[in-house]
PDB file of all heavy atoms in Angstrom:
ATOM      1  N   PHE A   1       0.836  -1.214   0.000  1.00  0.00           N
ATOM      2  CA  PHE A   1       0.000   0.000   0.000  1.00  0.00           C
ATOM      3  C   PHE A   1       0.865   1.256   0.000  1.00  0.00           C
ATOM      4  O   PHE A   1       0.547   2.251  -0.665  1.00  0.00           O
ATOM      5  CB  PHE A   1      -0.921  -0.026   1.230  1.00  0.00           C
ATOM      6  CG  PHE A   1      -1.681   1.236   1.460  1.00  0.00           C
ATOM      7  CD1 PHE A   1      -2.804   1.530   0.706  1.00  0.00           C
ATOM      8  CD2 PHE A   1      -1.271   2.141   2.428  1.00  0.00           C
ATOM      9  CE1 PHE A   1      -3.518   2.713   0.915  1.00  0.00           C
ATOM     10  CE2 PHE A   1      -1.976   3.315   2.644  1.00  0.00           C
ATOM     11  CZ  PHE A   1      -3.092   3.604   1.890  1.00  0.00           C
ATOM     12  N   ILE A   2       1.971   1.222   0.722  1.00  0.00           N
ATOM     13  CA  ILE A   2       2.881   2.372   0.789  1.00  0.00           C
ATOM     14  C   ILE A   2       3.436   2.709  -0.588  1.00  0.00           C
ATOM     15  O   ILE A   2       3.568   3.887  -0.953  1.00  0.00           O
ATOM     16  CB  ILE A   2       4.018   2.087   1.794  1.00  0.00           C
ATOM     17  CG1 ILE A   2       3.474   2.106   3.227  1.00  0.00           C
ATOM     18  CG2 ILE A   2       5.152   3.099   1.643  1.00  0.00           C
ATOM     19  CD1 ILE A   2       4.479   1.690   4.277  1.00  0.00           C
ATOM     20  N   VAL A   3       3.760   1.669  -1.368  1.00  0.00           N
ATOM     21  CA  VAL A   3       4.287   1.905  -2.711  1.00  0.00           C
ATOM     22  C   VAL A   3       3.284   2.694  -3.549  1.00  0.00           C
ATOM     23  O   VAL A   3       3.657   3.556  -4.358  1.00  0.00           O
ATOM     24  CB  VAL A   3       4.637   0.570  -3.402  1.00  0.00           C
ATOM     25  CG1 VAL A   3       5.136   0.820  -4.821  1.00  0.00           C
ATOM     26  CG2 VAL A   3       5.699  -0.185  -2.610  1.00  0.00           C
ATOM     27  N   PHE A   4       2.008   2.403  -3.368  1.00  0.00           N
ATOM     28  CA  PHE A   4       0.964   3.068  -4.165  1.00  0.00           C
ATOM     29  C   PHE A   4       0.641   4.475  -3.667  1.00  0.00           C
ATOM     30  O   PHE A   4       0.184   5.309  -4.449  1.00  0.00           O
ATOM     31  CB  PHE A   4      -0.319   2.231  -4.146  1.00  0.00           C
ATOM     32  CG  PHE A   4      -0.308   1.064  -5.085  1.00  0.00           C
ATOM     33  CD1 PHE A   4       0.155  -0.167  -4.671  1.00  0.00           C
ATOM     34  CD2 PHE A   4      -0.746   1.201  -6.394  1.00  0.00           C
ATOM     35  CE1 PHE A   4       0.169  -1.258  -5.539  1.00  0.00           C
ATOM     36  CE2 PHE A   4      -0.733   0.131  -7.271  1.00  0.00           C
ATOM     37  CZ  PHE A   4      -0.274  -1.099  -6.848  1.00  0.00           C
ATOM     38  N   THR A   5       0.847   4.741  -2.385  1.00  0.00           N
ATOM     39  CA  THR A   5       0.344   5.992  -1.813  1.00  0.00           C
ATOM     40  C   THR A   5       1.413   7.018  -1.467  1.00  0.00           C
ATOM     41  O   THR A   5       1.130   8.221  -1.467  1.00  0.00           O
ATOM     42  CB  THR A   5      -0.479   5.705  -0.542  1.00  0.00           C
ATOM     43  OG1 THR A   5       0.335   4.994   0.396  1.00  0.00           O
ATOM     44  CG2 THR A   5      -1.713   4.902  -0.882  1.00  0.00           C
ATOM     45  N   PHE A   6       2.640   6.566  -1.164  1.00  0.00           N
ATOM     46  CA  PHE A   6       3.678   7.531  -0.814  1.00  0.00           C
ATOM     47  C   PHE A   6       4.205   8.196  -2.085  1.00  0.00           C
ATOM     48  O   PHE A   6       4.092   7.656  -3.178  1.00  0.00           O
ATOM     49  CB  PHE A   6       4.822   6.852  -0.066  1.00  0.00           C
ATOM     50  CG  PHE A   6       4.507   6.576   1.383  1.00  0.00           C
ATOM     51  CD1 PHE A   6       3.208   6.541   1.845  1.00  0.00           C
ATOM     52  CD2 PHE A   6       5.526   6.332   2.282  1.00  0.00           C
ATOM     53  CE1 PHE A   6       2.917   6.278   3.168  1.00  0.00           C
ATOM     54  CE2 PHE A   6       5.257   6.057   3.606  1.00  0.00           C
ATOM     55  CZ  PHE A   6       3.947   6.035   4.055  1.00  0.00           C
ATOM     56  N   ASN A   7       4.812   9.352  -1.920  1.00  0.00           N
ATOM     57  CA  ASN A   7       5.323  10.112  -3.052  1.00  0.00           C
ATOM     58  C   ASN A   7       6.845  10.255  -2.986  1.00  0.00           C
ATOM     59  O   ASN A   7       7.459  10.082  -1.936  1.00  0.00           O
ATOM     60  CB  ASN A   7       4.693  11.514  -3.090  1.00  0.00           C
ATOM     61  CG  ASN A   7       3.204  11.458  -3.348  1.00  0.00           C
ATOM     62  OD1 ASN A   7       2.743  10.729  -4.225  1.00  0.00           O
ATOM     63  ND2 ASN A   7       2.437  12.222  -2.571  1.00  0.00           N
ATOM     64  N   GLY A   8       7.410  10.573  -4.127  1.00  0.00           N
ATOM     65  CA  GLY A   8       8.837  10.841  -4.178  1.00  0.00           C
ATOM     66  C   GLY A   8       9.687   9.620  -3.906  1.00  0.00           C
ATOM     67  O   GLY A   8       9.266   8.475  -4.062  1.00  0.00           O
ATOM     68  N   TYR A   9      10.906   9.880  -3.445  1.00  0.00           N
ATOM     69  CA  TYR A   9      11.836   8.783  -3.164  1.00  0.00           C
ATOM     70  C   TYR A   9      11.365   7.904  -2.008  1.00  0.00           C
ATOM     71  O   TYR A   9      11.802   6.766  -1.873  1.00  0.00           O
ATOM     72  CB  TYR A   9      13.223   9.342  -2.851  1.00  0.00           C
ATOM     73  CG  TYR A   9      13.881  10.008  -4.029  1.00  0.00           C
ATOM     74  CD1 TYR A   9      14.223  11.359  -3.984  1.00  0.00           C
ATOM     75  CD2 TYR A   9      14.154   9.291  -5.192  1.00  0.00           C
ATOM     76  CE1 TYR A   9      14.817  11.979  -5.069  1.00  0.00           C
ATOM     77  CE2 TYR A   9      14.746   9.902  -6.284  1.00  0.00           C
ATOM     78  CZ  TYR A   9      15.077  11.249  -6.218  1.00  0.00           C
ATOM     79  OH  TYR A   9      15.667  11.854  -7.298  1.00  0.00           O
ATOM     80  N   TYR A  10      10.477   8.450  -1.178  1.00  0.00           N
ATOM     81  CA  TYR A  10       9.959   7.663  -0.062  1.00  0.00           C
ATOM     82  C   TYR A  10       9.157   6.455  -0.542  1.00  0.00           C
ATOM     83  O   TYR A  10       8.972   5.489   0.185  1.00  0.00           O
ATOM     84  CB  TYR A  10       9.106   8.547   0.844  1.00  0.00           C
ATOM     85  CG  TYR A  10       9.879   9.697   1.437  1.00  0.00           C
ATOM     86  CD1 TYR A  10       9.462  11.002   1.239  1.00  0.00           C
ATOM     87  CD2 TYR A  10      11.039   9.467   2.174  1.00  0.00           C
ATOM     88  CE1 TYR A  10      10.179  12.070   1.767  1.00  0.00           C
ATOM     89  CE2 TYR A  10      11.765  10.521   2.710  1.00  0.00           C
ATOM     90  CZ  TYR A  10      11.334  11.822   2.499  1.00  0.00           C
ATOM     91  OH  TYR A  10      12.057  12.868   3.017  1.00  0.00           O
ATOM     92  N   ARG A  11       8.640   6.541  -1.756  1.00  0.00           N
ATOM     93  CA  ARG A  11       7.914   5.404  -2.341  1.00  0.00           C
ATOM     94  C   ARG A  11       8.846   4.195  -2.494  1.00  0.00           C
ATOM     95  O   ARG A  11       8.400   3.053  -2.453  1.00  0.00           O
ATOM     96  CB  ARG A  11       7.332   5.816  -3.692  1.00  0.00           C
ATOM     97  CG  ARG A  11       6.645   4.689  -4.436  1.00  0.00           C
ATOM     98  CD  ARG A  11       6.081   5.178  -5.746  1.00  0.00           C
ATOM     99  NE  ARG A  11       4.929   6.026  -5.541  1.00  0.00           N
ATOM    100  CZ  ARG A  11       4.515   6.953  -6.389  1.00  0.00           C
ATOM    101  NH1 ARG A  11       5.190   7.192  -7.487  1.00  0.00           N
ATOM    102  NH2 ARG A  11       3.435   7.670  -6.129  1.00  0.00           N
ATOM    103  N   LEU A  12      10.127   4.470  -2.687  1.00  0.00           N
ATOM    104  CA  LEU A  12      11.124   3.394  -2.778  1.00  0.00           C
ATOM    105  C   LEU A  12      11.792   3.127  -1.438  1.00  0.00           C
ATOM    106  O   LEU A  12      11.951   1.974  -1.034  1.00  0.00           O
ATOM    107  CB  LEU A  12      12.204   3.759  -3.808  1.00  0.00           C
ATOM    108  CG  LEU A  12      11.796   3.841  -5.276  1.00  0.00           C
ATOM    109  CD1 LEU A  12      12.985   4.280  -6.109  1.00  0.00           C
ATOM    110  CD2 LEU A  12      11.287   2.495  -5.759  1.00  0.00           C
ATOM    111  N   LEU A  13      12.188   4.197  -0.751  1.00  0.00           N
ATOM    112  CA  LEU A  13      13.003   4.065   0.450  1.00  0.00           C
ATOM    113  C   LEU A  13      12.278   3.350   1.587  1.00  0.00           C
ATOM    114  O   LEU A  13      12.782   2.370   2.151  1.00  0.00           O
ATOM    115  CB  LEU A  13      13.458   5.448   0.913  1.00  0.00           C
ATOM    116  CG  LEU A  13      14.310   5.484   2.180  1.00  0.00           C
ATOM    117  CD1 LEU A  13      15.606   4.723   1.966  1.00  0.00           C
ATOM    118  CD2 LEU A  13      14.583   6.930   2.604  1.00  0.00           C
ATOM    119  N   ILE A  14      11.084   3.823   1.917  1.00  0.00           N
ATOM    120  CA  ILE A  14      10.380   3.272   3.076  1.00  0.00           C
ATOM    121  C   ILE A  14       9.940   1.823   2.846  1.00  0.00           C
ATOM    122  O   ILE A  14      10.163   0.966   3.710  1.00  0.00           O
ATOM    123  CB  ILE A  14       9.193   4.180   3.471  1.00  0.00           C
ATOM    124  CG1 ILE A  14       9.738   5.532   3.958  1.00  0.00           C
ATOM    125  CG2 ILE A  14       8.348   3.522   4.559  1.00  0.00           C
ATOM    126  CD1 ILE A  14       8.687   6.528   4.370  1.00  0.00           C
ATOM    127  N   PRO A  15       9.336   1.471   1.698  1.00  0.00           N
ATOM    128  CA  PRO A  15       9.008   0.050   1.477  1.00  0.00           C
ATOM    129  C   PRO A  15      10.244  -0.846   1.443  1.00  0.00           C
ATOM    130  O   PRO A  15      10.191  -1.991   1.904  1.00  0.00           O
ATOM    131  CB  PRO A  15       8.294   0.065   0.120  1.00  0.00           C
ATOM    132  CG  PRO A  15       7.740   1.423  -0.004  1.00  0.00           C
ATOM    133  CD  PRO A  15       8.762   2.321   0.640  1.00  0.00           C
ATOM    134  N   THR A  16      11.370  -0.352   0.915  1.00  0.00           N
ATOM    135  CA  THR A  16      12.582  -1.169   0.890  1.00  0.00           C
ATOM    136  C   THR A  16      13.063  -1.467   2.308  1.00  0.00           C
ATOM    137  O   THR A  16      13.422  -2.608   2.633  1.00  0.00           O
ATOM    138  CB  THR A  16      13.695  -0.450   0.100  1.00  0.00           C
ATOM    139  OG1 THR A  16      13.267  -0.278  -1.252  1.00  0.00           O
ATOM    140  CG2 THR A  16      14.974  -1.270   0.114  1.00  0.00           C
ATOM    141  N   ILE A  17      13.057  -0.454   3.165  1.00  0.00           N
ATOM    142  CA  ILE A  17      13.417  -0.653   4.577  1.00  0.00           C
ATOM    143  C   ILE A  17      12.443  -1.617   5.239  1.00  0.00           C
ATOM    144  O   ILE A  17      12.837  -2.557   5.933  1.00  0.00           O
ATOM    145  CB  ILE A  17      13.434   0.697   5.325  1.00  0.00           C
ATOM    146  CG1 ILE A  17      14.556   1.588   4.791  1.00  0.00           C
ATOM    147  CG2 ILE A  17      13.600   0.476   6.821  1.00  0.00           C
ATOM    148  CD1 ILE A  17      14.528   3.002   5.355  1.00  0.00           C
ATOM    149  N   LEU A  18      11.147  -1.372   5.001  1.00  0.00           N
ATOM    150  CA  LEU A  18      10.114  -2.203   5.622  1.00  0.00           C
ATOM    151  C   LEU A  18      10.241  -3.663   5.208  1.00  0.00           C
ATOM    152  O   LEU A  18      10.244  -4.563   6.057  1.00  0.00           O
ATOM    153  CB  LEU A  18       8.730  -1.673   5.241  1.00  0.00           C
ATOM    154  CG  LEU A  18       7.545  -2.586   5.592  1.00  0.00           C
ATOM    155  CD1 LEU A  18       7.462  -2.809   7.086  1.00  0.00           C
ATOM    156  CD2 LEU A  18       6.250  -2.017   5.044  1.00  0.00           C
ATOM    157  N   PHE A  19      10.356  -3.911   3.895  1.00  0.00           N
ATOM    158  CA  PHE A  19      10.383  -5.299   3.437  1.00  0.00           C
ATOM    159  C   PHE A  19      11.693  -6.002   3.779  1.00  0.00           C
ATOM    160  O   PHE A  19      11.724  -7.232   3.901  1.00  0.00           O
ATOM    161  CB  PHE A  19      10.114  -5.369   1.932  1.00  0.00           C
ATOM    162  CG  PHE A  19       8.655  -5.276   1.584  1.00  0.00           C
ATOM    163  CD1 PHE A  19       8.158  -4.199   0.865  1.00  0.00           C
ATOM    164  CD2 PHE A  19       7.770  -6.262   1.997  1.00  0.00           C
ATOM    165  CE1 PHE A  19       6.814  -4.114   0.553  1.00  0.00           C
ATOM    166  CE2 PHE A  19       6.422  -6.189   1.694  1.00  0.00           C
ATOM    167  CZ  PHE A  19       5.935  -5.105   0.977  1.00  0.00           C
ATOM    168  N   THR A  20      12.780  -5.243   3.964  1.00  0.00           N
ATOM    169  CA  THR A  20      14.015  -5.852   4.436  1.00  0.00           C
ATOM    170  C   THR A  20      13.837  -6.367   5.858  1.00  0.00           C
ATOM    171  O   THR A  20      14.216  -7.506   6.181  1.00  0.00           O
ATOM    172  CB  THR A  20      15.177  -4.841   4.386  1.00  0.00           C
ATOM    173  OG1 THR A  20      15.380  -4.421   3.035  1.00  0.00           O
ATOM    174  CG2 THR A  20      16.461  -5.470   4.913  1.00  0.00           C
ATOM    175  N   ILE A  21      13.226  -5.555   6.706  1.00  0.00           N
ATOM    176  CA  ILE A  21      12.924  -5.986   8.076  1.00  0.00           C
ATOM    177  C   ILE A  21      11.901  -7.119   8.056  1.00  0.00           C
ATOM    178  O   ILE A  21      12.004  -8.087   8.811  1.00  0.00           O
ATOM    179  CB  ILE A  21      12.407  -4.793   8.908  1.00  0.00           C
ATOM    180  CG1 ILE A  21      13.485  -3.711   8.992  1.00  0.00           C
ATOM    181  CG2 ILE A  21      11.988  -5.241  10.307  1.00  0.00           C
ATOM    182  CD1 ILE A  21      13.010  -2.422   9.623  1.00  0.00           C
ATOM    183  N   TRP A  22      10.921  -7.002   7.166  1.00  0.00           N
ATOM    184  CA  TRP A  22       9.870  -8.029   7.029  1.00  0.00           C
ATOM    185  C   TRP A  22      10.493  -9.392   6.713  1.00  0.00           C
ATOM    186  O   TRP A  22      10.102 -10.414   7.291  1.00  0.00           O
ATOM    187  CB  TRP A  22       8.919  -7.595   5.918  1.00  0.00           C
ATOM    188  CG  TRP A  22       7.698  -8.446   5.719  1.00  0.00           C
ATOM    189  CD1 TRP A  22       6.491  -8.301   6.337  1.00  0.00           C
ATOM    190  CD2 TRP A  22       7.559  -9.561   4.837  1.00  0.00           C
ATOM    191  NE1 TRP A  22       5.610  -9.252   5.892  1.00  0.00           N
ATOM    192  CE2 TRP A  22       6.238 -10.045   4.967  1.00  0.00           C
ATOM    193  CE3 TRP A  22       8.422 -10.194   3.949  1.00  0.00           C
ATOM    194  CZ2 TRP A  22       5.766 -11.134   4.247  1.00  0.00           C
ATOM    195  CZ3 TRP A  22       7.959 -11.285   3.230  1.00  0.00           C
ATOM    196  CH2 TRP A  22       6.653 -11.744   3.375  1.00  0.00           C
ATOM    197  N   GLN A  23      11.453  -9.403   5.802  1.00  0.00           N
ATOM    198  CA  GLN A  23      12.100 -10.660   5.448  1.00  0.00           C
ATOM    199  C   GLN A  23      12.893 -11.251   6.612  1.00  0.00           C
ATOM    200  O   GLN A  23      12.914 -12.472   6.804  1.00  0.00           O
ATOM    201  CB  GLN A  23      13.028 -10.467   4.244  1.00  0.00           C
ATOM    202  CG  GLN A  23      12.285 -10.294   2.941  1.00  0.00           C
ATOM    203  CD  GLN A  23      13.185 -10.550   1.751  1.00  0.00           C
ATOM    204  OE1 GLN A  23      13.394 -11.685   1.343  1.00  0.00           O
ATOM    205  NE2 GLN A  23      13.740  -9.485   1.192  1.00  0.00           N
ATOM    206  N   LEU A  24      13.539 -10.393   7.385  1.00  0.00           N
ATOM    207  CA  LEU A  24      14.283 -10.878   8.542  1.00  0.00           C
ATOM    208  C   LEU A  24      13.342 -11.534   9.553  1.00  0.00           C
ATOM    209  O   LEU A  24      13.650 -12.584  10.127  1.00  0.00           O
ATOM    210  CB  LEU A  24      15.046  -9.724   9.198  1.00  0.00           C
ATOM    211  CG  LEU A  24      16.213  -9.137   8.380  1.00  0.00           C
ATOM    212  CD1 LEU A  24      16.811  -7.938   9.100  1.00  0.00           C
ATOM    213  CD2 LEU A  24      17.275 -10.193   8.117  1.00  0.00           C
ATOM    214  N   VAL A  25      12.185 -10.907   9.768  1.00  0.00           N
ATOM    215  CA  VAL A  25      11.191 -11.488  10.682  1.00  0.00           C
ATOM    216  C   VAL A  25      10.657 -12.799  10.121  1.00  0.00           C
ATOM    217  O   VAL A  25      10.509 -13.798  10.833  1.00  0.00           O
ATOM    218  CB  VAL A  25      10.033 -10.494  10.924  1.00  0.00           C
ATOM    219  CG1 VAL A  25       8.917 -11.152  11.743  1.00  0.00           C
ATOM    220  CG2 VAL A  25      10.548  -9.248  11.635  1.00  0.00           C
ATOM    221  N   PHE A  26      10.376 -12.817   8.828  1.00  0.00           N
ATOM    222  CA  PHE A  26       9.750 -13.969   8.186  1.00  0.00           C
ATOM    223  C   PHE A  26      10.702 -15.161   8.066  1.00  0.00           C
ATOM    224  O   PHE A  26      10.330 -16.299   8.339  1.00  0.00           O
ATOM    225  CB  PHE A  26       9.254 -13.547   6.803  1.00  0.00           C
ATOM    226  CG  PHE A  26       8.333 -14.535   6.148  1.00  0.00           C
ATOM    227  CD1 PHE A  26       7.229 -15.030   6.811  1.00  0.00           C
ATOM    228  CD2 PHE A  26       8.567 -14.956   4.852  1.00  0.00           C
ATOM    229  CE1 PHE A  26       6.367 -15.941   6.209  1.00  0.00           C
ATOM    230  CE2 PHE A  26       7.711 -15.866   4.230  1.00  0.00           C
ATOM    231  CZ  PHE A  26       6.615 -16.358   4.913  1.00  0.00           C
ATOM    232  N   PHE A  27      11.953 -14.895   7.689  1.00  0.00           N
ATOM    233  CA  PHE A  27      12.879 -15.977   7.384  1.00  0.00           C
ATOM    234  C   PHE A  27      13.886 -16.297   8.489  1.00  0.00           C
ATOM    235  O   PHE A  27      14.360 -17.430   8.573  1.00  0.00           O
ATOM    236  CB  PHE A  27      13.659 -15.666   6.101  1.00  0.00           C
ATOM    237  CG  PHE A  27      12.817 -15.686   4.861  1.00  0.00           C
ATOM    238  CD1 PHE A  27      12.621 -14.543   4.120  1.00  0.00           C
ATOM    239  CD2 PHE A  27      12.219 -16.865   4.434  1.00  0.00           C
ATOM    240  CE1 PHE A  27      11.848 -14.558   2.970  1.00  0.00           C
ATOM    241  CE2 PHE A  27      11.438 -16.891   3.288  1.00  0.00           C
ATOM    242  CZ  PHE A  27      11.250 -15.738   2.559  1.00  0.00           C
ATOM    243  N   VAL A  28      14.226 -15.322   9.298  1.00  0.00           N
ATOM    244  CA  VAL A  28      15.308 -15.535  10.272  1.00  0.00           C
ATOM    245  C   VAL A  28      14.777 -15.794  11.678  1.00  0.00           C
ATOM    246  O   VAL A  28      15.192 -16.751  12.336  1.00  0.00           O
ATOM    247  CB  VAL A  28      16.276 -14.330  10.278  1.00  0.00           C
ATOM    248  CG1 VAL A  28      17.370 -14.527  11.331  1.00  0.00           C
ATOM    249  CG2 VAL A  28      16.902 -14.142   8.896  1.00  0.00           C
ATOM    250  N   LEU A  29      13.861 -14.964  12.146  1.00  0.00           N
ATOM    251  CA  LEU A  29      13.347 -15.124  13.502  1.00  0.00           C
ATOM    252  C   LEU A  29      12.351 -16.280  13.578  1.00  0.00           C
ATOM    253  O   LEU A  29      11.783 -16.702  12.565  1.00  0.00           O
ATOM    254  CB  LEU A  29      12.668 -13.839  13.963  1.00  0.00           C
ATOM    255  CG  LEU A  29      13.563 -12.587  14.039  1.00  0.00           C
ATOM    256  CD1 LEU A  29      12.755 -11.395  14.536  1.00  0.00           C
ATOM    257  CD2 LEU A  29      14.778 -12.820  14.928  1.00  0.00           C
ATOM    258  N   SER A  30      12.150 -16.779  14.775  1.00  0.00           N
ATOM    259  CA  SER A  30      11.158 -17.845  14.987  1.00  0.00           C
ATOM    260  C   SER A  30       9.751 -17.273  14.789  1.00  0.00           C
ATOM    261  O   SER A  30       9.528 -16.081  15.041  1.00  0.00           O
ATOM    262  CB  SER A  30      11.291 -18.422  16.399  1.00  0.00           C
ATOM    263  OG  SER A  30      12.551 -19.044  16.568  1.00  0.00           O
ATOM    264  N   PRO A  31       8.810 -18.099  14.333  1.00  0.00           N
ATOM    265  CA  PRO A  31       7.444 -17.605  14.084  1.00  0.00           C
ATOM    266  C   PRO A  31       6.662 -17.389  15.376  1.00  0.00           C
ATOM    267  O   PRO A  31       5.728 -18.124  15.694  1.00  0.00           O
ATOM    268  CB  PRO A  31       6.829 -18.728  13.233  1.00  0.00           C
ATOM    269  CG  PRO A  31       7.564 -19.956  13.658  1.00  0.00           C
ATOM    270  CD  PRO A  31       8.973 -19.517  13.952  1.00  0.00           C
ATOM    271  N   LYS A  32       7.047 -16.358  16.115  1.00  0.00           N
ATOM    272  CA  LYS A  32       6.389 -16.044  17.380  1.00  0.00           C
ATOM    273  C   LYS A  32       5.502 -14.820  17.214  1.00  0.00           C
ATOM    274  O   LYS A  32       5.883 -13.862  16.531  1.00  0.00           O
ATOM    275  CB  LYS A  32       7.435 -15.794  18.470  1.00  0.00           C
ATOM    276  CG  LYS A  32       8.260 -17.024  18.807  1.00  0.00           C
ATOM    277  CD  LYS A  32       9.254 -16.728  19.923  1.00  0.00           C
ATOM    278  CE  LYS A  32      10.045 -17.977  20.278  1.00  0.00           C
ATOM    279  NZ  LYS A  32      11.026 -17.718  21.358  1.00  0.00           N
ATOM    280  N   PRO A  33       4.329 -14.813  17.843  1.00  0.00           N
ATOM    281  CA  PRO A  33       3.392 -13.686  17.698  1.00  0.00           C
ATOM    282  C   PRO A  33       4.016 -12.341  18.051  1.00  0.00           C
ATOM    283  O   PRO A  33       3.719 -11.344  17.404  1.00  0.00           O
ATOM    284  CB  PRO A  33       2.259 -14.043  18.663  1.00  0.00           C
ATOM    285  CG  PRO A  33       2.325 -15.528  18.790  1.00  0.00           C
ATOM    286  CD  PRO A  33       3.773 -15.889  18.674  1.00  0.00           C
ATOM    287  N   LEU A  34       4.889 -12.313  19.067  1.00  0.00           N
ATOM    288  CA  LEU A  34       5.484 -11.058  19.506  1.00  0.00           C
ATOM    289  C   LEU A  34       6.230 -10.380  18.370  1.00  0.00           C
ATOM    290  O   LEU A  34       6.118  -9.152  18.183  1.00  0.00           O
ATOM    291  CB  LEU A  34       6.438 -11.312  20.675  1.00  0.00           C
ATOM    292  CG  LEU A  34       7.211 -10.087  21.183  1.00  0.00           C
ATOM    293  CD1 LEU A  34       6.233  -9.028  21.702  1.00  0.00           C
ATOM    294  CD2 LEU A  34       8.201 -10.486  22.273  1.00  0.00           C
ATOM    295  N   TYR A  35       6.993 -11.159  17.585  1.00  0.00           N
ATOM    296  CA  TYR A  35       7.752 -10.579  16.482  1.00  0.00           C
ATOM    297  C   TYR A  35       6.814 -10.000  15.422  1.00  0.00           C
ATOM    298  O   TYR A  35       7.090  -8.947  14.845  1.00  0.00           O
ATOM    299  CB  TYR A  35       8.672 -11.625  15.861  1.00  0.00           C
ATOM    300  CG  TYR A  35       9.684 -12.205  16.820  1.00  0.00           C
ATOM    301  CD1 TYR A  35      10.052 -13.548  16.754  1.00  0.00           C
ATOM    302  CD2 TYR A  35      10.268 -11.416  17.803  1.00  0.00           C
ATOM    303  CE1 TYR A  35      10.978 -14.079  17.637  1.00  0.00           C
ATOM    304  CE2 TYR A  35      11.192 -11.950  18.687  1.00  0.00           C
ATOM    305  CZ  TYR A  35      11.550 -13.276  18.602  1.00  0.00           C
ATOM    306  OH  TYR A  35      12.459 -13.800  19.471  1.00  0.00           O
ATOM    307  N   GLY A  36       5.721 -10.691  15.155  1.00  0.00           N
ATOM    308  CA  GLY A  36       4.755 -10.197  14.190  1.00  0.00           C
ATOM    309  C   GLY A  36       4.093  -8.917  14.652  1.00  0.00           C
ATOM    310  O   GLY A  36       3.902  -7.977  13.872  1.00  0.00           O
ATOM    311  N   ILE A  37       3.742  -8.860  15.939  1.00  0.00           N
ATOM    312  CA  ILE A  37       3.101  -7.661  16.487  1.00  0.00           C
ATOM    313  C   ILE A  37       4.058  -6.466  16.429  1.00  0.00           C
ATOM    314  O   ILE A  37       3.664  -5.351  16.071  1.00  0.00           O
ATOM    315  CB  ILE A  37       2.644  -7.928  17.941  1.00  0.00           C
ATOM    316  CG1 ILE A  37       1.503  -8.962  17.940  1.00  0.00           C
ATOM    317  CG2 ILE A  37       2.196  -6.637  18.607  1.00  0.00           C
ATOM    318  CD1 ILE A  37       1.120  -9.446  19.319  1.00  0.00           C
ATOM    319  N   ILE A  38       5.326  -6.701  16.775  1.00  0.00           N
ATOM    320  CA  ILE A  38       6.329  -5.635  16.701  1.00  0.00           C
ATOM    321  C   ILE A  38       6.464  -5.139  15.261  1.00  0.00           C
ATOM    322  O   ILE A  38       6.609  -3.932  15.008  1.00  0.00           O
ATOM    323  CB  ILE A  38       7.683  -6.127  17.238  1.00  0.00           C
ATOM    324  CG1 ILE A  38       7.593  -6.369  18.751  1.00  0.00           C
ATOM    325  CG2 ILE A  38       8.790  -5.121  16.930  1.00  0.00           C
ATOM    326  CD1 ILE A  38       8.839  -6.969  19.358  1.00  0.00           C
TER     327      ILE A  38
END
C-alpha cells in the first residue's frame, strides 16, 4: 500500500526498509506472535 500511496523517493526508500525488516522477521526469527506484532 505504501508503494501506491507515498510520493517521491519515499515510495522506494520506506518500502525497501520495511520489506528488508519483514524478510528478517519472516525468514530468520522464529514464528512467534510477539515478532509479528512488533
